[in-house]
Protein backbone atom coordinates (compact mmCIF):
# COMPACT_ATOMS: atom_id res chain seq x y z
CA MET A 1 -6.00 32.78 -32.80
CA LEU A 2 -9.27 33.32 -30.96
CA SER A 3 -11.15 30.97 -33.29
CA LEU A 4 -8.57 28.24 -32.64
CA LEU A 5 -9.01 28.71 -28.88
CA ALA A 6 -12.80 28.61 -29.25
CA ALA A 7 -12.56 25.40 -31.27
CA VAL A 8 -10.47 23.75 -28.56
CA ILE A 9 -12.87 24.85 -25.82
CA LEU A 10 -15.92 23.65 -27.73
CA THR A 11 -14.45 20.19 -28.31
CA GLU A 12 -13.79 19.54 -24.61
CA LYS A 13 -16.78 17.90 -22.94
CA GLY A 14 -17.24 17.42 -19.25
CA ILE A 15 -19.64 15.61 -17.00
CA GLN A 16 -20.77 15.70 -13.38
CA ASP A 17 -21.63 12.41 -11.74
CA GLY A 18 -22.81 13.67 -8.36
CA TRP A 19 -21.25 12.18 -5.25
CA VAL A 20 -18.22 10.07 -6.06
CA ILE A 21 -17.91 8.23 -2.74
CA ALA A 22 -20.57 6.93 -0.36
CA ASP A 23 -20.66 7.76 3.34
CA ASP A 24 -19.11 4.33 4.02
CA LEU A 25 -16.13 5.44 1.83
CA ARG A 26 -17.06 3.00 -0.94
CA PRO A 27 -16.31 4.50 -4.37
CA ILE A 28 -19.44 5.29 -6.35
CA LEU A 29 -17.44 6.55 -9.32
CA THR A 30 -15.47 3.44 -10.26
CA ARG A 31 -13.07 2.80 -13.13
CA GLU A 32 -15.93 1.17 -15.05
CA GLU A 33 -18.04 4.32 -14.63
CA ALA A 34 -15.08 6.44 -15.70
CA ARG A 35 -14.66 4.29 -18.81
CA LEU A 36 -18.32 4.82 -19.73
CA MET A 37 -17.91 8.57 -19.28
CA ARG A 38 -14.89 8.61 -21.60
CA GLN A 39 -16.64 6.40 -24.15
CA ASN A 40 -19.52 8.87 -24.17
CA GLY A 41 -17.23 11.77 -25.03
CA ALA A 42 -16.25 13.28 -21.69
CA SER A 43 -12.71 14.55 -21.29
CA TRP A 44 -13.13 15.95 -17.77
CA VAL A 45 -15.26 15.10 -14.73
CA ARG A 46 -16.36 17.42 -11.95
CA VAL A 47 -15.55 15.79 -8.61
CA HIS A 48 -17.33 17.05 -5.51
CA PHE A 49 -14.92 16.71 -2.57
CA ARG A 50 -17.37 16.90 0.31
CA LEU A 51 -17.66 16.47 4.01
CA SER A 52 -20.84 14.89 5.39
CA GLN A 53 -22.60 14.08 8.64
CA THR A 54 -20.54 10.88 8.76
CA HIS A 55 -17.23 12.58 7.90
CA GLN A 56 -17.18 16.08 9.35
CA ALA A 57 -13.43 16.59 8.97
CA TRP A 58 -10.80 15.59 6.42
CA SER A 59 -9.24 12.31 7.52
CA THR A 60 -6.65 10.05 5.93
CA GLU A 61 -9.37 7.49 5.16
CA LEU A 62 -11.57 10.07 3.45
CA ILE A 63 -8.70 11.49 1.41
CA ASP A 64 -7.63 7.96 0.41
CA ALA A 65 -11.17 7.25 -0.84
CA TYR A 66 -11.04 10.36 -3.03
CA LYS A 67 -7.56 9.38 -4.26
CA GLU A 68 -9.00 6.08 -5.47
CA VAL A 69 -11.63 7.94 -7.49
CA ILE A 70 -9.02 10.29 -8.99
CA ARG A 71 -6.84 7.30 -9.95
CA SER A 72 -9.83 5.73 -11.72
CA LEU A 73 -10.42 8.92 -13.68
CA GLU A 74 -6.77 9.31 -14.61
CA ALA A 75 -6.55 5.64 -15.65
CA GLU A 76 -9.25 6.43 -18.21
CA ARG A 77 -7.49 9.63 -19.32
CA LEU A 78 -10.14 11.88 -17.76
CA LYS A 79 -9.22 15.17 -16.10
CA PRO A 80 -10.76 15.82 -12.68
CA LEU A 81 -12.19 19.26 -11.95
CA GLY A 82 -12.50 19.56 -8.18
CA LEU A 83 -15.22 21.27 -6.16
CA ILE A 84 -14.45 21.41 -2.44
CA THR A 85 -17.19 22.02 0.12
């Protein structure tokens, strides 16, 4: 059983793209980028949910921008792995 679990873990590949939205709330990680990630073998993507000097608190606009990124990942069958800072 352990070897089967190890085989599954070793076949899953992930990627980190860095920031996924710009300070102006424009998506940096678009559906096209997500497609390229999937085509290159990724099955999950680390998403850094971050506040910045421009956005110092969680607002509806900021959350909506992140939702757009998550929808792009899910549309390409990628699993998001969130990091919140």
